[in-house]
Protein backbone atom coordinates (compact mmCIF):
# COMPACT_ATOMS: atom_id res chain seq x y z
CA UNK A 1 88.34 23.47 -69.68
CA UNK A 2 88.54 20.54 -72.05
CA UNK A 3 85.45 18.76 -73.26
CA UNK A 4 85.63 14.99 -73.56
CA UNK A 5 84.38 13.67 -76.85
CA UNK A 6 83.33 10.10 -77.42
CA UNK A 7 84.68 8.47 -80.51
CA UNK A 8 82.78 5.78 -82.39
CA UNK A 9 85.35 3.05 -82.83
CA UNK A 10 82.77 0.61 -84.27
CA UNK A 11 81.34 2.20 -87.41
CA UNK A 12 78.91 0.63 -89.85
CA UNK A 13 81.79 -0.28 -92.10
CA UNK A 14 83.47 -2.04 -89.21
CA UNK A 15 80.26 -3.90 -88.49
CA UNK A 16 80.03 -5.01 -92.11
CA UNK A 17 83.59 -6.28 -92.07
CA UNK A 18 82.92 -8.10 -88.81
CA UNK A 19 79.85 -9.86 -90.23
CA UNK A 20 81.75 -10.89 -93.35
CA UNK A 21 84.56 -12.35 -91.25
CA UNK A 22 82.04 -14.05 -89.01
CA UNK A 23 80.27 -15.57 -92.02
CA UNK A 24 83.53 -16.80 -93.54
CA UNK A 25 84.44 -18.46 -90.25
CA UNK A 26 81.01 -20.10 -90.20
CA UNK A 27 81.45 -21.40 -93.72
CA UNK A 28 84.82 -22.87 -92.86
CA UNK A 29 83.40 -24.51 -89.73
CA UNK A 30 80.47 -25.94 -91.68
CA UNK A 31 82.70 -27.36 -94.40
CA UNK A 32 85.10 -28.86 -91.91
CA UNK A 33 82.47 -30.35 -89.61
CA UNK A 34 80.12 -31.71 -92.31
CA UNK A 35 77.67 -32.33 -89.45
CA UNK A 36 73.92 -32.41 -89.82
CA UNK A 37 71.79 -30.27 -87.50
CA UNK A 38 70.87 -31.84 -84.18
CA UNK A 39 67.19 -32.97 -84.37
CA UNK A 40 66.96 -32.84 -80.57
CA UNK A 41 68.19 -29.26 -80.07
CA UNK A 42 66.92 -26.54 -82.44
CA UNK A 43 69.76 -24.17 -83.34
CA UNK A 44 72.51 -26.76 -82.88
CA UNK A 45 73.52 -26.64 -86.53
CA UNK A 46 76.79 -28.55 -86.22
CA UNK A 47 75.31 -31.24 -83.92
CA UNK A 48 77.80 -30.85 -81.08
CA UNK A 49 74.97 -30.76 -78.47
CA UNK A 50 75.31 -27.06 -77.63
CA UNK A 51 73.98 -23.90 -79.27
CA UNK A 52 76.82 -21.39 -79.32
CA UNK A 53 78.87 -18.99 -81.44
CA UNK A 54 79.76 -21.78 -83.88
CA UNK A 55 76.11 -22.29 -84.76
CA UNK A 56 75.62 -18.54 -85.05
CA UNK A 57 78.50 -18.41 -87.53
CA UNK A 58 76.98 -21.20 -89.62
CA UNK A 59 73.61 -19.48 -89.70
CA UNK A 60 75.06 -16.12 -90.69
CA UNK A 61 77.17 -17.68 -93.42
CA UNK A 62 73.97 -19.08 -94.91
CA UNK A 63 71.74 -16.07 -94.22
CA UNK A 64 69.40 -15.37 -97.12
CA UNK A 65 70.03 -18.75 -98.75
CA UNK A 66 67.84 -21.83 -99.03
CA UNK A 67 70.39 -24.13 -97.38
CA UNK A 68 68.32 -26.62 -95.38
CA UNK A 69 71.21 -27.25 -92.97
CA UNK A 70 70.68 -23.76 -91.52
CA UNK A 71 66.94 -23.41 -92.19
CA UNK A 72 65.85 -24.23 -88.65
CA UNK A 73 62.10 -23.80 -89.10
CA UNK A 74 62.03 -25.43 -92.53
CA UNK A 75 60.26 -22.58 -94.33
CA UNK A 76 62.69 -22.67 -97.24
CA UNK A 77 64.81 -19.62 -96.38
CA UNK A 78 67.46 -18.90 -93.77
CA UNK A 79 66.20 -15.66 -92.28
CA UNK A 80 65.37 -13.75 -89.12
CA UNK A 81 62.92 -16.45 -88.01
CA UNK A 82 65.73 -19.00 -87.89
CA UNK A 83 67.93 -16.50 -86.09
CA UNK A 84 65.17 -15.99 -83.53
CA UNK A 85 64.91 -19.75 -82.90
CA UNK A 86 68.67 -20.05 -82.53
CA UNK A 87 68.83 -17.15 -80.09
CA UNK A 88 65.96 -18.60 -78.05
CA UNK A 89 68.05 -21.77 -77.58
CA UNK A 90 71.42 -20.02 -77.29
CA UNK A 91 73.52 -21.52 -74.52
CA UNK A 92 71.34 -24.63 -74.20
CA UNK A 93 72.92 -28.07 -74.26
CA UNK A 94 71.60 -31.52 -75.07
CA UNK A 95 72.70 -34.59 -73.15
CA UNK A 96 69.90 -37.10 -73.63
CA UNK A 97 69.88 -39.92 -76.13
CA UNK A 98 72.86 -39.70 -78.42
CA UNK A 99 73.37 -42.31 -81.14
CA UNK A 100 73.30 -45.78 -79.66
CA UNK A 101 72.41 -44.58 -76.16
CA UNK A 102 68.69 -45.27 -76.32
CA UNK A 103 67.29 -48.60 -75.18
CA UNK A 104 66.34 -50.71 -78.19
CA UNK A 105 63.32 -52.65 -76.94
CA UNK A 106 60.23 -52.02 -74.88
CA UNK A 107 56.53 -52.68 -74.35
CA UNK A 108 53.47 -50.55 -74.99
CA UNK A 109 51.00 -51.82 -72.35
CA UNK A 110 47.96 -49.76 -73.25
CA UNK A 111 45.77 -47.78 -70.88
CA UNK A 112 44.72 -50.79 -68.78
CA UNK A 113 47.88 -50.83 -66.69
CA UNK A 114 46.76 -47.66 -64.93
CA UNK A 115 43.56 -49.37 -63.81
CA UNK A 116 45.24 -52.44 -62.33
CA UNK A 117 45.95 -52.89 -58.64
CA UNK A 118 49.36 -51.83 -57.44
CA UNK A 119 50.42 -55.47 -57.07
CA UNK A 120 49.31 -56.34 -60.59
CA UNK A 121 51.08 -53.27 -62.00
CA UNK A 122 54.30 -54.54 -60.44
CA UNK A 123 53.68 -58.04 -61.77
CA UNK A 124 53.04 -56.79 -65.31
CA UNK A 125 56.23 -54.74 -65.23
CA UNK A 126 58.16 -57.77 -64.00
CA UNK A 127 56.98 -59.57 -67.15
CA UNK A 128 58.08 -56.61 -69.27
CA UNK A 129 61.58 -56.76 -67.85
CA UNK A 130 61.72 -60.58 -67.90
CA UNK A 131 61.09 -60.62 -71.64
CA UNK A 132 63.87 -58.09 -72.21
CA UNK A 133 61.99 -54.80 -72.36
CA UNK A 134 63.75 -51.60 -71.33
CA UNK A 135 61.10 -48.96 -72.19
CA UNK A 136 57.49 -48.64 -71.03
CA UNK A 137 55.01 -46.44 -72.90
CA UNK A 138 52.63 -44.72 -70.48
CA UNK A 139 49.46 -42.69 -71.06
CA UNK A 140 49.56 -39.30 -69.34
CA UNK A 141 46.09 -37.82 -69.53
CA UNK A 142 45.58 -38.41 -65.80
CA UNK A 143 48.61 -37.23 -63.85
CA UNK A 144 47.64 -39.06 -60.65
CA UNK A 145 47.56 -42.55 -62.14
CA UNK A 146 50.23 -41.64 -64.68
CA UNK A 147 52.71 -40.53 -62.04
CA UNK A 148 52.13 -43.76 -60.11
CA UNK A 149 52.95 -45.92 -63.13
CA UNK A 150 55.97 -43.76 -64.03
CA UNK A 151 57.34 -44.13 -60.49
CA UNK A 152 56.91 -47.90 -60.64
CA UNK A 153 58.44 -48.16 -64.11
CA UNK A 154 61.58 -46.36 -63.00
CA UNK A 155 61.79 -48.59 -59.93
CA UNK A 156 61.63 -51.64 -62.25
CA UNK A 157 64.44 -50.28 -64.42
CA UNK A 158 62.10 -49.38 -67.28
CA UNK A 159 62.56 -46.05 -69.03
CA UNK A 160 59.18 -44.26 -69.32
CA UNK A 161 57.94 -42.95 -72.67
CA UNK A 162 55.04 -40.66 -71.83
CA UNK A 163 52.03 -39.99 -74.08
CA UNK A 164 51.00 -36.43 -73.32
CA UNK A 165 47.22 -36.26 -73.56
CA UNK A 166 46.92 -39.99 -74.18
CA UNK A 167 44.41 -40.94 -76.86
CA UNK A 168 42.96 -37.47 -77.36
CA UNK A 169 39.88 -36.83 -79.49
CA UNK A 170 39.75 -33.68 -81.58
CA UNK A 171 37.38 -30.96 -80.42
CA UNK A 172 36.89 -27.69 -82.28
CA UNK A 173 36.42 -25.91 -78.96
CA UNK A 174 39.85 -26.87 -77.59
CA UNK A 175 42.81 -24.56 -78.16
CA UNK A 176 46.42 -25.50 -78.70
CA UNK A 177 47.53 -23.33 -75.79
CA UNK A 178 44.92 -24.94 -73.57
CA UNK A 179 46.11 -28.43 -74.50
CA UNK A 180 49.73 -27.47 -73.84
CA UNK A 181 48.82 -26.00 -70.48
CA UNK A 182 46.76 -29.02 -69.45
CA UNK A 183 49.03 -31.82 -70.66
CA UNK A 184 52.50 -30.64 -71.69
CA UNK A 185 53.86 -28.64 -68.76
CA UNK A 186 53.31 -30.36 -65.41
CA UNK A 187 54.67 -33.77 -66.43
CA UNK A 188 57.93 -32.59 -68.00
CA UNK A 189 58.44 -30.20 -65.08
CA UNK A 190 57.88 -32.93 -62.48
CA UNK A 191 59.96 -35.55 -64.25
CA UNK A 192 62.80 -33.39 -65.51
CA UNK A 193 66.04 -35.35 -65.30
CA UNK A 194 64.20 -38.66 -64.88
CA UNK A 195 62.13 -38.91 -68.05
CA UNK A 196 63.36 -37.86 -71.47
CA UNK A 197 60.83 -39.33 -73.95
CA UNK A 198 57.51 -37.52 -74.54
CA UNK A 199 54.92 -38.19 -77.24
CA UNK A 200 52.23 -35.72 -78.33
CA UNK A 201 49.00 -37.79 -78.32
CA UNK A 202 48.36 -41.35 -79.43
CA UNK A 203 47.18 -42.00 -82.99
CA UNK A 204 45.86 -38.50 -83.73
CA UNK A 205 45.03 -39.60 -87.29
CA UNK A 206 42.46 -42.07 -85.92
CA UNK A 207 40.87 -39.68 -83.44
CA UNK A 208 39.42 -36.89 -85.54
CA UNK A 209 42.58 -34.89 -86.22
CA UNK A 210 43.97 -33.71 -89.53
CA UNK A 211 47.47 -32.43 -90.19
CA UNK A 212 46.07 -28.89 -90.18
CA UNK A 213 44.41 -29.26 -86.78
CA UNK A 214 47.18 -31.35 -85.20
CA UNK A 215 50.22 -29.20 -86.08
CA UNK A 216 49.27 -26.18 -83.89
CA UNK A 217 48.83 -28.55 -80.92
CA UNK A 218 52.12 -30.28 -81.73
CA UNK A 219 53.93 -26.95 -81.85
CA UNK A 220 52.40 -25.66 -78.62
CA UNK A 221 53.11 -28.90 -76.77
CA UNK A 222 56.67 -29.11 -78.08
CA UNK A 223 57.42 -25.58 -76.90
CA UNK A 224 55.88 -26.25 -73.48
CA UNK A 225 57.89 -29.45 -73.00
CA UNK A 226 61.15 -27.80 -74.05
CA UNK A 227 60.45 -24.83 -71.78
CA UNK A 228 60.10 -27.25 -68.87
CA UNK A 229 63.03 -29.46 -69.88
CA UNK A 230 65.25 -28.38 -72.80
CA UNK A 231 66.84 -31.84 -72.92
CA UNK A 232 63.53 -33.66 -73.34
CA UNK A 233 62.98 -35.59 -76.58
CA UNK A 234 59.58 -34.99 -78.15
CA UNK A 235 58.01 -37.63 -80.38
CA UNK A 236 55.37 -37.08 -83.00
CA UNK A 237 52.15 -38.83 -81.99
CA UNK A 238 52.19 -42.50 -83.02
CA UNK A 239 50.55 -42.77 -86.44
CA UNK A 240 48.64 -45.76 -87.79
CA UNK A 241 46.41 -45.69 -90.85
CA UNK A 242 44.99 -49.20 -90.24
CA UNK A 243 46.68 -50.52 -93.37
CA UNK A 244 44.63 -48.37 -95.72
CA UNK A 245 46.65 -49.06 -98.91
CA UNK A 246 46.69 -45.31 -99.68
CA UNK A 247 49.17 -42.44 -99.38
CA UNK A 248 47.12 -40.96 -96.52
CA UNK A 249 49.93 -41.21 -93.95
CA UNK A 250 52.57 -39.88 -96.35
CA UNK A 251 50.34 -36.98 -97.43
CA UNK A 252 49.71 -36.15 -93.76
CA UNK A 253 53.44 -35.89 -93.03
CA UNK A 254 54.09 -33.85 -96.19
CA UNK A 255 51.34 -31.46 -95.17
CA UNK A 256 52.87 -31.09 -91.70
CA UNK A 257 56.17 -30.01 -93.18
CA UNK A 258 54.34 -27.52 -95.39
CA UNK A 259 52.76 -26.13 -92.21
CA UNK A 260 56.17 -25.62 -90.58
CA UNK A 261 56.18 -28.61 -88.23
CA UNK A 262 59.80 -29.57 -88.92
CA UNK A 263 61.26 -27.96 -85.81
CA UNK A 264 58.51 -29.17 -83.49
CA UNK A 265 59.15 -32.89 -83.23
CA UNK A 266 62.48 -34.56 -82.56
CA UNK A 267 61.44 -38.06 -83.62
CA UNK A 268 58.85 -39.39 -86.06
CA UNK A 269 56.72 -42.18 -84.62
CA UNK A 270 54.51 -44.76 -86.29
CA UNK A 271 52.62 -47.92 -85.30
CA UNK A 272 54.21 -50.69 -87.29
CA UNK A 273 51.64 -53.48 -87.10
CA UNK A 274 52.36 -56.27 -89.53
CA UNK A 275 55.54 -57.85 -90.84
CA UNK A 276 58.55 -55.63 -91.52
CA UNK A 277 59.92 -58.16 -93.99
CA UNK A 278 57.06 -58.24 -96.50
CA UNK A 279 56.02 -55.71 -99.14
CA UNK A 280 52.45 -54.72 -100.00
CA UNK A 281 50.33 -51.70 -100.83
CA UNK A 282 48.68 -51.90 -97.39
CA UNK A 283 51.94 -52.38 -95.45
CA UNK A 284 52.73 -49.40 -93.23
CA UNK A 285 56.42 -50.33 -93.26
CA UNK A 286 56.45 -49.64 -97.00
CA UNK A 287 54.56 -46.38 -96.48
CA UNK A 288 57.20 -45.22 -94.02
CA UNK A 289 60.38 -46.55 -95.64
CA UNK A 290 59.49 -47.60 -99.18
CA UNK A 291 59.76 -51.18 -100.37
CA UNK A 292 63.44 -51.20 -101.41
CA UNK A 293 62.54 -51.58 -105.06
CA UNK A 294 59.56 -53.91 -104.71
CA UNK A 295 57.27 -51.28 -106.22
CA UNK A 296 55.39 -49.91 -103.20
CA UNK A 297 55.89 -46.27 -102.19
CA UNK A 298 59.55 -46.34 -103.26
CA UNK A 299 59.66 -42.76 -104.55
CA UNK A 300 57.17 -41.27 -102.10
CA UNK A 301 57.23 -42.40 -98.48
CA UNK A 302 57.51 -40.85 -95.04
CA UNK A 303 61.29 -41.19 -94.92
CA UNK A 304 61.68 -39.59 -98.36
CA UNK A 305 59.44 -36.69 -97.31
CA UNK A 306 61.53 -36.19 -94.18
CA UNK A 307 64.76 -36.35 -96.17
CA UNK A 308 63.55 -33.84 -98.77
CA UNK A 309 62.76 -31.42 -95.94
CA UNK A 310 66.25 -31.63 -94.44
CA UNK A 311 65.37 -34.22 -91.80
CA UNK A 312 67.46 -37.14 -93.02
CA UNK A 313 69.07 -37.54 -89.59
CA UNK A 314 65.80 -37.34 -87.65
CA UNK A 315 65.09 -40.75 -86.05
CA UNK A 316 61.99 -42.87 -86.57
CA UNK A 317 60.61 -45.09 -83.79
CA UNK A 318 57.72 -47.53 -83.56
CA UNK A 319 55.77 -47.29 -80.31
CA UNK A 320 53.28 -50.06 -81.15
CA UNK A 321 54.23 -53.16 -83.12
CA UNK A 322 53.03 -56.73 -83.34
CA UNK A 323 49.76 -58.26 -84.52
CA UNK A 324 46.45 -59.66 -83.32
CA UNK A 325 45.40 -63.27 -82.87
CA UNK A 326 43.24 -64.70 -84.50
CA UNK A 327 43.68 -62.22 -87.37
CA UNK A 328 46.99 -64.06 -87.72
CA UNK A 329 48.09 -67.31 -86.14
CA UNK A 330 50.14 -67.31 -82.95
CA UNK A 331 53.11 -68.54 -84.97
CA UNK A 332 52.81 -65.65 -87.42
CA UNK A 333 52.42 -63.19 -84.55
CA UNK A 334 55.65 -64.52 -83.02
CA UNK A 335 57.47 -64.16 -86.34
CA UNK A 336 56.25 -60.58 -86.77
CA UNK A 337 57.43 -59.68 -83.26
CA UNK A 338 60.83 -61.16 -84.05
CA UNK A 339 61.09 -59.23 -87.33
CA UNK A 340 59.98 -56.00 -85.67
CA UNK A 341 62.63 -56.29 -82.97
CA UNK A 342 65.25 -57.06 -85.61
CA UNK A 343 64.50 -53.74 -87.32
CA UNK A 344 65.93 -51.56 -84.56
CA UNK A 345 69.03 -49.41 -84.87
CA UNK A 346 72.14 -51.51 -84.45
CA UNK A 347 70.27 -54.74 -85.16
CA UNK A 348 68.24 -54.09 -88.29
CA UNK A 349 69.70 -54.18 -91.78
CA UNK A 350 69.10 -52.27 -94.96
CA UNK A 351 66.58 -49.50 -95.32
CA UNK A 352 64.15 -50.41 -92.49
CA UNK A 353 65.80 -49.19 -89.37
CA UNK A 354 63.93 -47.85 -86.37
CA UNK A 355 65.58 -46.15 -83.40
CA UNK A 356 63.68 -48.37 -80.97
CA UNK A 357 60.77 -50.80 -81.00
CA UNK A 358 57.86 -51.20 -78.58
CA UNK A 359 55.59 -54.23 -78.86
CA UNK A 360 51.87 -53.97 -78.07
CA UNK A 361 51.28 -55.46 -75.54
CA UNK A 362 51.97 -57.76 -72.56
CA UNK A 363 48.70 -58.62 -70.77
CA UNK A 364 46.18 -58.60 -73.63
CA UNK A 365 44.72 -55.13 -73.08
CA UNK A 366 43.02 -55.60 -76.44
CA UNK A 367 42.36 -59.36 -76.68
CA UNK A 368 44.65 -61.04 -79.16
CA UNK A 369 47.60 -58.64 -79.04
CA UNK A 370 49.11 -59.71 -75.73
CA UNK A 371 52.24 -61.80 -75.37
CA UNK A 372 50.35 -63.33 -72.44
CA UNK A 373 46.62 -63.95 -72.07
CA UNK A 374 44.26 -64.84 -69.24
CA UNK A 375 43.59 -68.59 -69.33
CA UNK A 376 41.72 -70.50 -66.63
CA UNK A 377 43.93 -73.53 -67.36
CA UNK A 378 47.14 -71.53 -67.51
CA UNK A 379 50.04 -72.54 -65.30
CA UNK A 380 51.29 -69.01 -64.58
CA UNK A 381 49.48 -67.61 -61.54
CA UNK A 382 49.46 -63.85 -60.99
CA UNK A 383 49.37 -62.28 -57.50
CA UNK A 384 45.62 -61.70 -57.83
CA UNK A 385 45.04 -65.43 -58.43
CA UNK A 386 44.33 -65.18 -62.18
CA UNK A 387 45.92 -67.76 -64.46
CA UNK A 388 47.92 -66.81 -67.55
CA UNK A 389 49.53 -68.46 -70.55
CA UNK A 390 52.44 -67.19 -72.61
CA UNK A 391 51.94 -66.97 -76.36
CA UNK A 392 54.85 -67.91 -78.65
CA UNK A 393 55.41 -64.17 -79.14
CA UNK A 394 56.65 -63.95 -75.52
CA UNK A 395 59.38 -66.46 -76.28
CA UNK A 396 60.09 -64.80 -79.63
CA UNK A 397 60.60 -61.46 -77.86
CA UNK A 398 62.80 -63.05 -75.21
CA UNK A 399 64.98 -64.84 -77.74
CA UNK A 400 65.38 -61.64 -79.78
CA UNK A 401 66.61 -59.62 -76.81
CA UNK A 402 68.90 -62.13 -75.12
C-alpha cells in the first residue's frame, strides 16, 4: 500500500522571491502612475478610486521606508499599521466627488433654519437657490429636525453638508466612542447614497476643545461614518480663530498631524471670514494659505503643514465666509462675498484656492451676516407676512454665480 505524501511547493524561499517580484511590480506601477494617494479612500495609493492589488504592490515596495506616499496613517514609517489600514479598505471603491465634480457655491444658514416653520424653511431654501447656491450646510445634533431639513434641501436641489454633532461643547465626561455612536452612525446610514459631505462638529476650537481632545473624537467619528458609507467624504470641523493674529490655528493643525489625524479627515475646513484678497497678521486666509510673499505666515501655514505631512492633494473648503454689518459696511461685505466666491476651485487664481465656498448666511441668523434682513419697510414679503430687504451681498453672490 502506497502512502501519499504532500509536497510543499511554496517554500520560504519561494515566498521571498514572490514578495520581491511583487515589490518590484509595485515600484514600477508607482513610477509610471506618479499619482498621489486618494484623500477620500485610505489605502488607494495610486488614486484610481479602488483599493486593490496595485495599491498592495505599492505599499510592499515601500515597506520599511519613510515614503509618505505609502505611509497611510502618517506616522513616518510604512509598516504593518499601514498594511492593516489598506487591508481594512481592500476592495472598497470611491465614486463621490472627483476633481471638478463638487458644487462650487453654497450657503451656511446656521441653526435657525431648523426652528422655522415648514413654509419658511422652503422659502429660505428658495432664496438659497435663487442666489446660485448648490450646497446647504445643516446642523445634525437633532436627527428629527435635521432629517426634515435634509429632505427639503434635496427636494430644492441643494446638496446637504451635514455637521455631525453641530456646535458641540467639550465635556471631560464624554467619550469618543459615545460621540461616534450618538452622532456619526445613524445619519450616514440613513442618508447613504444621498448625502456625501459630513463635518465633525462646528468650530471645535471655539467650544472648549484642543487638538489633543478633538483628535480622538475625529478619529472615532470618521471610522463610524466610513463604516456606514465608505464613499462618504468627511470634513474636519470648521475652524475659526476669530482673527487672533497668532499661529494658534496652524499649531492646532500641526499638533493633529503629530497625533496621527492624517488619515481621519478627507478635507480640511476653515471659516474664512474677511477678505481673501488682503494680507494681514490677523487674516485667516493668510494663516491657511500664506500671504504669497507679503510677509504673513508664508513659511508656516495650514497648507504648508498639510503638504509637509504628505497631504498636498487634500482639499480645503470654507464652510462659513462673509462678514458682519456694521463691523464693515454693506459695500465691503458685498466685496468680500464676491472675493470669497472667486477663490473656489476652477474660479480662483494663484495660491488661494478652496474646493468650495459657503457664505454665512441668508436670513440673518446672527444679525448683520445675512444677505437678507428683516425690515418692516422691506418690499419682499415672506409667506409668514414678514418683510425683508436684500443687502448688496445678495446681488454680489448672484452676479458671481451667474
